[in-house]
Every structure is written in C-alpha cells, then in structure tokens.
C-alpha cells in the first residue's frame, strides 16, 4: 500500500535522468575510453540504455575487452573535466526543488554516480543548502543500487523512517531499491526504459514531469515535522 503523501517528510532523489540530463557527458566520457583503445564512438541513444546501474557495469558492457580498472580511471579523468559543461538540469527541477524545500521537505540525493561528481553538480545549484545529503556508493562501502544501503543511509541522515520518505527516480532499478528499503517510489517518465518495463516494476506512482510532485506533496505543518537527527 502506498504511503499517504500527508505522511511524507523527506524526499530522496535519483540523479541521472531524474534531476539532470547527463547523458551527453556520460556518452562523451564513454567514447573517450573507447577511442583510447581503437573502438568507434557510440551514439548517445546507445549509451543511454546502459546508464543507471553504475560505472563498472556501464564500461563492462560498452568497453568490452578493456581492463576495467584502466577504463574506469580514463573515464573519471575525462568526466571530471566535462561534467559541469555537458550536464543540464531537467525542465522544472530547480523551481520544484526550491518549492519543496519551502514547503518543509528534507531533500537528499542517492545516485550510483561517483559521489564527488554528484556533489559538484548539486553544488552548482543555488539550492545546494536545501539538499540535506548527497550520497553515492562510496558512502556505503561501494554498494550500488539496487542494494538499499544508500537509501537507508539517506533516511538516517535526514532523520526519518521509510514510511515518512519518498524516493523519486526514472528507472526500474529505483523501484527495486525503494522496495527493498521499504520506501515508496514515484517514477518520472522519460528515462531510458520502456513504459512497459516501468509499469512491470510497479512503482507507487508514475508522473509525466518532475514538477508534478508539487500537485501531490502539500506543505508540511511545522508541528508534524519531527526534529532532524
């Protein structure tokens, strides 16, 4: 059964495909690795299909035969130089996050992206102070979604129970992660997976746009928001 929106106190968010269009940057860094080993470039559409499950899996699938440690190092060195320039916030994200913070929600980010990259990108937002935590695999012993460790750590840092939180993502992996953590998941359409795949994952709600969150999440009464730990 879905948690009533009136009980939600905190919102944890995926990053790639949910808050930002980072596919151009991911594609560029993937092709940088491939070029170093004589492989032809891939289209953004092809790379997009493999995003969301962590960098190692991405490179295992898209840079086959290349030593993984070398591929990861080349990718990260390149990505460090281009991520701010080639990442774009998705429509409605900045205004919606600002309004959710104004309404009293605690906000956090949980992404399989390397956490230093995610923190730099979130830090480029004027809303950075409203984001209570930004987590990546490095914060939970290298465990990536669908392992629930990142969400559970986010709940701990924001000081809420699973039933007082919501996880917002764009892929079936987000639904699986939330389900394992006991956190309801709402999906924003537009991710790399088909509508059928998303529906089969059975999120609690599917939204067309990020700003639709504001239609479902009213302002929190100050007396109903427990003190943050």
C-alpha atoms as a PDB file:
ATOM      1  CA  UNK A   1       0.000   0.000   0.000  1.00  0.00           C
ATOM      2  CA  UNK A   2       1.275   3.443  -0.853  1.00  0.00           C
ATOM      3  CA  UNK A   3       2.278   5.851   1.888  1.00  0.00           C
ATOM      4  CA  UNK A   4      -0.111   8.784   2.093  1.00  0.00           C
ATOM      5  CA  UNK A   5       1.524  11.985   0.795  1.00  0.00           C
ATOM      6  CA  UNK A   6       0.442  13.643   4.037  1.00  0.00           C
ATOM      7  CA  UNK A   7       2.920  11.435   5.939  1.00  0.00           C
ATOM      8  CA  UNK A   8       5.919  12.194   3.727  1.00  0.00           C
ATOM      9  CA  UNK A   9       8.580  14.334   5.395  1.00  0.00           C
ATOM     10  CA  UNK A  10      11.613  13.690   3.194  1.00  0.00           C
ATOM     11  CA  UNK A  11      12.294  13.122  -0.486  1.00  0.00           C
ATOM     12  CA  UNK A  12      15.295  11.177  -1.732  1.00  0.00           C
ATOM     13  CA  UNK A  13      16.113  11.628  -5.399  1.00  0.00           C
ATOM     14  CA  UNK A  14      17.983   9.762  -8.078  1.00  0.00           C
ATOM     15  CA  UNK A  15      20.254  11.989 -10.170  1.00  0.00           C
ATOM     16  CA  UNK A  16      20.863  10.911 -13.795  1.00  0.00           C
ATOM     17  CA  UNK A  17      17.614  11.090 -15.755  1.00  0.00           C
ATOM     18  CA  UNK A  18      15.646  12.328 -12.739  1.00  0.00           C
ATOM     19  CA  UNK A  19      17.234  15.666 -11.862  1.00  0.00           C
ATOM     20  CA  UNK A  20      19.604  16.145 -14.766  1.00  0.00           C
ATOM     21  CA  UNK A  21      20.260  15.187 -18.358  1.00  0.00           C
ATOM     22  CA  UNK A  22      23.809  13.938 -18.027  1.00  0.00           C
ATOM     23  CA  UNK A  23      23.695  11.575 -20.979  1.00  0.00           C
ATOM     24  CA  UNK A  24      25.814  13.802 -23.242  1.00  0.00           C
ATOM     25  CA  UNK A  25      28.573  13.897 -20.628  1.00  0.00           C
ATOM     26  CA  UNK A  26      28.361  10.161 -19.965  1.00  0.00           C
ATOM     27  CA  UNK A  27      28.463   9.441 -23.694  1.00  0.00           C
ATOM     28  CA  UNK A  28      31.473  11.701 -24.210  1.00  0.00           C
ATOM     29  CA  UNK A  29      33.448  10.026 -21.426  1.00  0.00           C
ATOM     30  CA  UNK A  30      32.465   6.547 -22.591  1.00  0.00           C
ATOM     31  CA  UNK A  31      33.620   7.343 -26.109  1.00  0.00           C
ATOM     32  CA  UNK A  32      36.844   8.833 -24.724  1.00  0.00           C
ATOM     33  CA  UNK A  33      37.602   5.427 -23.216  1.00  0.00           C
ATOM     34  CA  UNK A  34      36.625   3.589 -26.376  1.00  0.00           C
ATOM     35  CA  UNK A  35      38.761   5.857 -28.579  1.00  0.00           C
ATOM     36  CA  UNK A  36      41.822   5.213 -26.428  1.00  0.00           C
ATOM     37  CA  UNK A  37      41.566   1.540 -27.377  1.00  0.00           C
ATOM     38  CA  UNK A  38      40.642   1.998 -31.026  1.00  0.00           C
ATOM     39  CA  UNK A  39      36.916   1.399 -30.666  1.00  0.00           C
ATOM     40  CA  UNK A  40      34.439   3.506 -32.690  1.00  0.00           C
ATOM     41  CA  UNK A  41      32.167   6.008 -30.927  1.00  0.00           C
ATOM     42  CA  UNK A  42      28.683   5.074 -29.759  1.00  0.00           C
ATOM     43  CA  UNK A  43      25.574   7.204 -30.091  1.00  0.00           C
ATOM     44  CA  UNK A  44      24.025   8.829 -27.050  1.00  0.00           C
ATOM     45  CA  UNK A  45      20.932   6.669 -27.577  1.00  0.00           C
ATOM     46  CA  UNK A  46      23.022   3.507 -27.287  1.00  0.00           C
ATOM     47  CA  UNK A  47      24.895   4.681 -24.180  1.00  0.00           C
ATOM     48  CA  UNK A  48      21.684   5.866 -22.550  1.00  0.00           C
ATOM     49  CA  UNK A  49      20.327   2.304 -22.490  1.00  0.00           C
ATOM     50  CA  UNK A  50      23.140   1.242 -20.132  1.00  0.00           C
ATOM     51  CA  UNK A  51      23.094   4.154 -17.673  1.00  0.00           C
ATOM     52  CA  UNK A  52      21.823   3.795 -14.130  1.00  0.00           C
ATOM     53  CA  UNK A  53      23.496   0.612 -12.934  1.00  0.00           C
ATOM     54  CA  UNK A  54      26.898   2.049 -12.005  1.00  0.00           C
ATOM     55  CA  UNK A  55      30.064   2.904 -13.918  1.00  0.00           C
ATOM     56  CA  UNK A  56      31.695  -0.518 -13.785  1.00  0.00           C
ATOM     57  CA  UNK A  57      28.707  -2.213 -15.375  1.00  0.00           C
ATOM     58  CA  UNK A  58      28.468   0.558 -17.984  1.00  0.00           C
ATOM     59  CA  UNK A  59      32.081   0.076 -19.054  1.00  0.00           C
ATOM     60  CA  UNK A  60      31.930  -3.702 -18.929  1.00  0.00           C
ATOM     61  CA  UNK A  61      29.093  -3.525 -21.442  1.00  0.00           C
ATOM     62  CA  UNK A  62      30.281  -0.633 -23.615  1.00  0.00           C
ATOM     63  CA  UNK A  63      34.061  -1.028 -23.466  1.00  0.00           C
ATOM     64  CA  UNK A  64      34.388  -4.828 -23.618  1.00  0.00           C
ATOM     65  CA  UNK A  65      37.842  -6.343 -23.522  1.00  0.00           C
ATOM     66  CA  UNK A  66      39.412  -3.270 -21.904  1.00  0.00           C
ATOM     67  CA  UNK A  67      40.935  -3.755 -18.426  1.00  0.00           C
ATOM     68  CA  UNK A  68      38.226  -2.440 -16.140  1.00  0.00           C
ATOM     69  CA  UNK A  69      40.493  -0.508 -13.779  1.00  0.00           C
ATOM     70  CA  UNK A  70      42.093   1.299 -16.724  1.00  0.00           C
ATOM     71  CA  UNK A  71      38.723   2.059 -18.280  1.00  0.00           C
ATOM     72  CA  UNK A  72      37.326   3.461 -15.025  1.00  0.00           C
ATOM     73  CA  UNK A  73      40.392   5.666 -14.483  1.00  0.00           C
ATOM     74  CA  UNK A  74      40.260   7.050 -18.039  1.00  0.00           C
ATOM     75  CA  UNK A  75      36.536   7.680 -17.784  1.00  0.00           C
ATOM     76  CA  UNK A  76      36.796   9.521 -14.478  1.00  0.00           C
ATOM     77  CA  UNK A  77      39.723  11.660 -15.581  1.00  0.00           C
ATOM     78  CA  UNK A  78      37.792  12.776 -18.650  1.00  0.00           C
ATOM     79  CA  UNK A  79      34.456  13.148 -16.874  1.00  0.00           C
ATOM     80  CA  UNK A  80      35.993  15.380 -14.237  1.00  0.00           C
ATOM     81  CA  UNK A  81      36.785  17.922 -16.977  1.00  0.00           C
ATOM     82  CA  UNK A  82      33.440  17.976 -18.781  1.00  0.00           C
ATOM     83  CA  UNK A  83      30.636  17.129 -16.357  1.00  0.00           C
ATOM     84  CA  UNK A  84      29.666  20.706 -15.469  1.00  0.00           C
ATOM     85  CA  UNK A  85      29.741  21.882 -19.070  1.00  0.00           C
ATOM     86  CA  UNK A  86      27.782  18.972 -20.518  1.00  0.00           C
ATOM     87  CA  UNK A  87      25.184  18.283 -17.787  1.00  0.00           C
ATOM     88  CA  UNK A  88      21.837  20.078 -17.904  1.00  0.00           C
ATOM     89  CA  UNK A  89      19.142  20.270 -15.230  1.00  0.00           C
ATOM     90  CA  UNK A  90      15.867  18.850 -16.492  1.00  0.00           C
ATOM     91  CA  UNK A  91      12.856  21.142 -17.002  1.00  0.00           C
ATOM     92  CA  UNK A  92      11.190  22.254 -13.793  1.00  0.00           C
ATOM     93  CA  UNK A  93      13.757  20.685 -11.471  1.00  0.00           C
ATOM     94  CA  UNK A  94      15.296  23.762  -9.884  1.00  0.00           C
ATOM     95  CA  UNK A  95      11.988  25.546  -9.291  1.00  0.00           C
ATOM     96  CA  UNK A  96      10.353  22.370  -7.950  1.00  0.00           C
ATOM     97  CA  UNK A  97      13.200  21.620  -5.547  1.00  0.00           C
ATOM     98  CA  UNK A  98      13.077  25.191  -4.277  1.00  0.00           C
ATOM     99  CA  UNK A  99       9.322  24.936  -3.683  1.00  0.00           C
ATOM    100  CA  UNK A 100       9.604  21.534  -1.981  1.00  0.00           C
ATOM    101  CA  UNK A 101      12.232  22.961   0.361  1.00  0.00           C
ATOM    102  CA  UNK A 102       9.975  25.952   1.037  1.00  0.00           C
ATOM    103  CA  UNK A 103       7.128  23.552   1.864  1.00  0.00           C
ATOM    104  CA  UNK A 104       9.279  21.941   4.533  1.00  0.00           C
ATOM    105  CA  UNK A 105      10.554  18.740   2.893  1.00  0.00           C
ATOM    106  CA  UNK A 106      14.009  17.411   3.646  1.00  0.00           C
ATOM    107  CA  UNK A 107      15.798  16.628   0.409  1.00  0.00           C
ATOM    108  CA  UNK A 108      18.581  14.211  -0.411  1.00  0.00           C
ATOM    109  CA  UNK A 109      20.197  12.643  -3.467  1.00  0.00           C
ATOM    110  CA  UNK A 110      21.078   8.937  -3.791  1.00  0.00           C
ATOM    111  CA  UNK A 111      22.811   8.054  -7.055  1.00  0.00           C
ATOM    112  CA  UNK A 112      25.051   5.315  -8.416  1.00  0.00           C
ATOM    113  CA  UNK A 113      27.172   8.101  -9.913  1.00  0.00           C
ATOM    114  CA  UNK A 114      30.539   8.712  -8.272  1.00  0.00           C
ATOM    115  CA  UNK A 115      29.634  10.858  -5.286  1.00  0.00           C
ATOM    116  CA  UNK A 116      32.262  13.549  -5.876  1.00  0.00           C
ATOM    117  CA  UNK A 117      30.751  14.175  -9.313  1.00  0.00           C
ATOM    118  CA  UNK A 118      27.206  14.317  -7.955  1.00  0.00           C
ATOM    119  CA  UNK A 119      28.233  16.693  -5.182  1.00  0.00           C
ATOM    120  CA  UNK A 120      29.946  19.025  -7.646  1.00  0.00           C
ATOM    121  CA  UNK A 121      26.852  19.110  -9.820  1.00  0.00           C
ATOM    122  CA  UNK A 122      24.468  19.639  -6.913  1.00  0.00           C
ATOM    123  CA  UNK A 123      26.857  22.293  -5.617  1.00  0.00           C
ATOM    124  CA  UNK A 124      26.423  24.196  -8.876  1.00  0.00           C
ATOM    125  CA  UNK A 125      22.776  24.756  -7.928  1.00  0.00           C
ATOM    126  CA  UNK A 126      21.845  27.800  -5.907  1.00  0.00           C
ATOM    127  CA  UNK A 127      19.695  25.311  -3.972  1.00  0.00           C
ATOM    128  CA  UNK A 128      22.675  23.423  -2.618  1.00  0.00           C
ATOM    129  CA  UNK A 129      21.955  24.413   1.040  1.00  0.00           C
ATOM    130  CA  UNK A 130      18.458  22.896   0.753  1.00  0.00           C
ATOM    131  CA  UNK A 131      19.873  19.443  -0.101  1.00  0.00           C
ATOM    132  CA  UNK A 132      20.466  17.736   3.228  1.00  0.00           C
ATOM    133  CA  UNK A 133      22.646  14.920   1.891  1.00  0.00           C
ATOM    134  CA  UNK A 134      24.187  13.765  -1.377  1.00  0.00           C
ATOM    135  CA  UNK A 135      25.145  10.097  -1.327  1.00  0.00           C
ATOM    136  CA  UNK A 136      26.920   7.714  -3.644  1.00  0.00           C
ATOM    137  CA  UNK A 137      28.314   4.188  -3.451  1.00  0.00           C
ATOM    138  CA  UNK A 138      31.432   5.487  -1.704  1.00  0.00           C
ATOM    139  CA  UNK A 139      29.320   6.418   1.324  1.00  0.00           C
ATOM    140  CA  UNK A 140      28.084   2.854   1.857  1.00  0.00           C
ATOM    141  CA  UNK A 141      31.116   0.680   1.280  1.00  0.00           C
ATOM    142  CA  UNK A 142      30.855   0.729  -2.517  1.00  0.00           C
ATOM    143  CA  UNK A 143      27.375  -0.795  -2.610  1.00  0.00           C
ATOM    144  CA  UNK A 144      25.304   0.392  -5.572  1.00  0.00           C
ATOM    145  CA  UNK A 145      21.576   0.360  -6.193  1.00  0.00           C
ATOM    146  CA  UNK A 146      19.538  -1.853  -6.152  1.00  0.00           C
ATOM    147  CA  UNK A 147      21.265  -2.544  -2.823  1.00  0.00           C
ATOM    148  CA  UNK A 148      19.191  -0.443  -0.375  1.00  0.00           C
ATOM    149  CA  UNK A 149      22.181   0.754   1.678  1.00  0.00           C
ATOM    150  CA  UNK A 150      22.285   4.206   0.086  1.00  0.00           C
ATOM    151  CA  UNK A 151      18.596   4.883   0.737  1.00  0.00           C
ATOM    152  CA  UNK A 152      18.837   3.601   4.291  1.00  0.00           C
ATOM    153  CA  UNK A 153      21.787   5.915   4.937  1.00  0.00           C
ATOM    154  CA  UNK A 154      19.838   8.790   3.414  1.00  0.00           C
ATOM    155  CA  UNK A 155      16.937   8.095   5.759  1.00  0.00           C
ATOM    156  CA  UNK A 156      19.309   8.063   8.708  1.00  0.00           C
ATOM    157  CA  UNK A 157      20.898  11.369   7.737  1.00  0.00           C
ATOM    158  CA  UNK A 158      17.559  13.062   7.141  1.00  0.00           C
ATOM    159  CA  UNK A 159      16.131  11.687  10.371  1.00  0.00           C
ATOM    160  CA  UNK A 160      13.031   9.947   9.007  1.00  0.00           C
ATOM    161  CA  UNK A 161      11.592   6.443   8.807  1.00  0.00           C
ATOM    162  CA  UNK A 162      10.991   4.667   5.482  1.00  0.00           C
ATOM    163  CA  UNK A 163       7.254   5.419   5.732  1.00  0.00           C
ATOM    164  CA  UNK A 164       7.961   9.125   6.088  1.00  0.00           C
ATOM    165  CA  UNK A 165      10.059   9.253   2.924  1.00  0.00           C
ATOM    166  CA  UNK A 166       9.680   9.026  -0.820  1.00  0.00           C
ATOM    167  CA  UNK A 167      12.240   8.003  -3.438  1.00  0.00           C
ATOM    168  CA  UNK A 168      11.910   9.641  -6.852  1.00  0.00           C
ATOM    169  CA  UNK A 169      13.645   8.081  -9.845  1.00  0.00           C
ATOM    170  CA  UNK A 170      13.252   7.224 -13.505  1.00  0.00           C
ATOM    171  CA  UNK A 171      14.090   3.503 -13.782  1.00  0.00           C
ATOM    172  CA  UNK A 172      13.000   0.084 -12.583  1.00  0.00           C
ATOM    173  CA  UNK A 173      16.214  -0.162 -10.543  1.00  0.00           C
ATOM    174  CA  UNK A 174      14.905   2.750  -8.472  1.00  0.00           C
ATOM    175  CA  UNK A 175      11.679   0.865  -7.793  1.00  0.00           C
ATOM    176  CA  UNK A 176      13.599  -2.241  -6.750  1.00  0.00           C
ATOM    177  CA  UNK A 177      15.868  -0.206  -4.487  1.00  0.00           C
ATOM    178  CA  UNK A 178      12.997   1.574  -2.794  1.00  0.00           C
ATOM    179  CA  UNK A 179      11.013  -1.612  -2.327  1.00  0.00           C
ATOM    180  CA  UNK A 180      13.945  -3.308  -0.602  1.00  0.00           C
ATOM    181  CA  UNK A 181      14.447  -0.265   1.649  1.00  0.00           C
ATOM    182  CA  UNK A 182      10.729  -0.056   2.453  1.00  0.00           C
ATOM    183  CA  UNK A 183      10.433   3.358   0.791  1.00  0.00           C
ATOM    184  CA  UNK A 184       7.645   4.133  -1.714  1.00  0.00           C
ATOM    185  CA  UNK A 185       8.893   5.088  -5.179  1.00  0.00           C
ATOM    186  CA  UNK A 186       7.486   7.519  -7.692  1.00  0.00           C
ATOM    187  CA  UNK A 187       8.838   7.413 -11.227  1.00  0.00           C
ATOM    188  CA  UNK A 188       9.249  10.346 -13.613  1.00  0.00           C
ATOM    189  CA  UNK A 189       8.648   9.341 -17.224  1.00  0.00           C
ATOM    190  CA  UNK A 190      11.436   9.942 -19.722  1.00  0.00           C
ATOM    191  CA  UNK A 191      14.107   7.529 -18.508  1.00  0.00           C
ATOM    192  CA  UNK A 192      15.901   5.036 -20.753  1.00  0.00           C
ATOM    193  CA  UNK A 193      13.476   2.150 -20.141  1.00  0.00           C
ATOM    194  CA  UNK A 194      10.198   1.425 -21.864  1.00  0.00           C
ATOM    195  CA  UNK A 195       6.823   2.257 -20.340  1.00  0.00           C
ATOM    196  CA  UNK A 196       6.132  -1.474 -20.095  1.00  0.00           C
ATOM    197  CA  UNK A 197       9.330  -2.093 -18.118  1.00  0.00           C
ATOM    198  CA  UNK A 198       8.488   0.714 -15.709  1.00  0.00           C
ATOM    199  CA  UNK A 199       4.918  -0.487 -15.184  1.00  0.00           C
ATOM    200  CA  UNK A 200       6.059  -4.062 -14.613  1.00  0.00           C
ATOM    201  CA  UNK A 201       8.301  -2.779 -11.809  1.00  0.00           C
ATOM    202  CA  UNK A 202       5.127  -1.460 -10.103  1.00  0.00           C
ATOM    203  CA  UNK A 203       6.121   1.937  -8.708  1.00  0.00           C
ATOM    204  CA  UNK A 204       3.541   3.537  -6.458  1.00  0.00           C
ATOM    205  CA  UNK A 205       3.054   6.400  -8.902  1.00  0.00           C
ATOM    206  CA  UNK A 206       4.209   7.431 -12.388  1.00  0.00           C
ATOM    207  CA  UNK A 207       4.440  11.137 -13.188  1.00  0.00           C
ATOM    208  CA  UNK A 208       4.892  12.805 -16.566  1.00  0.00           C
ATOM    209  CA  UNK A 209       7.043  15.689 -15.320  1.00  0.00           C
ATOM    210  CA  UNK A 210       9.161  16.478 -12.287  1.00  0.00           C
ATOM    211  CA  UNK A 211       7.055  19.484 -11.333  1.00  0.00           C
ATOM    212  CA  UNK A 212       4.002  17.223 -10.893  1.00  0.00           C
ATOM    213  CA  UNK A 213       5.457  16.403  -7.485  1.00  0.00           C
ATOM    214  CA  UNK A 214       4.031  19.721  -6.332  1.00  0.00           C
ATOM    215  CA  UNK A 215       0.498  18.547  -7.140  1.00  0.00           C
ATOM    216  CA  UNK A 216       0.822  15.649  -4.699  1.00  0.00           C
ATOM    217  CA  UNK A 217       3.002  16.995  -1.889  1.00  0.00           C
ATOM    218  CA  UNK A 218       1.386  19.737   0.211  1.00  0.00           C
ATOM    219  CA  UNK A 219       3.236  21.982   2.619  1.00  0.00           C
ATOM    220  CA  UNK A 220       4.231  20.277   5.853  1.00  0.00           C
ATOM    221  CA  UNK A 221       2.732  21.662   9.037  1.00  0.00           C
ATOM    222  CA  UNK A 222       5.697  22.643  11.261  1.00  0.00           C
ATOM    223  CA  UNK A 223       4.304  20.686  14.183  1.00  0.00           C
ATOM    224  CA  UNK A 224       4.241  17.485  12.133  1.00  0.00           C
ATOM    225  CA  UNK A 225       7.890  17.564  11.111  1.00  0.00           C
ATOM    226  CA  UNK A 226       9.981  15.708  13.708  1.00  0.00           C
ATOM    227  CA  UNK A 227      13.364  17.160  14.713  1.00  0.00           C
ATOM    228  CA  UNK A 228      16.237  16.159  12.437  1.00  0.00           C
ATOM    229  CA  UNK A 229      18.898  13.938  13.973  1.00  0.00           C
END
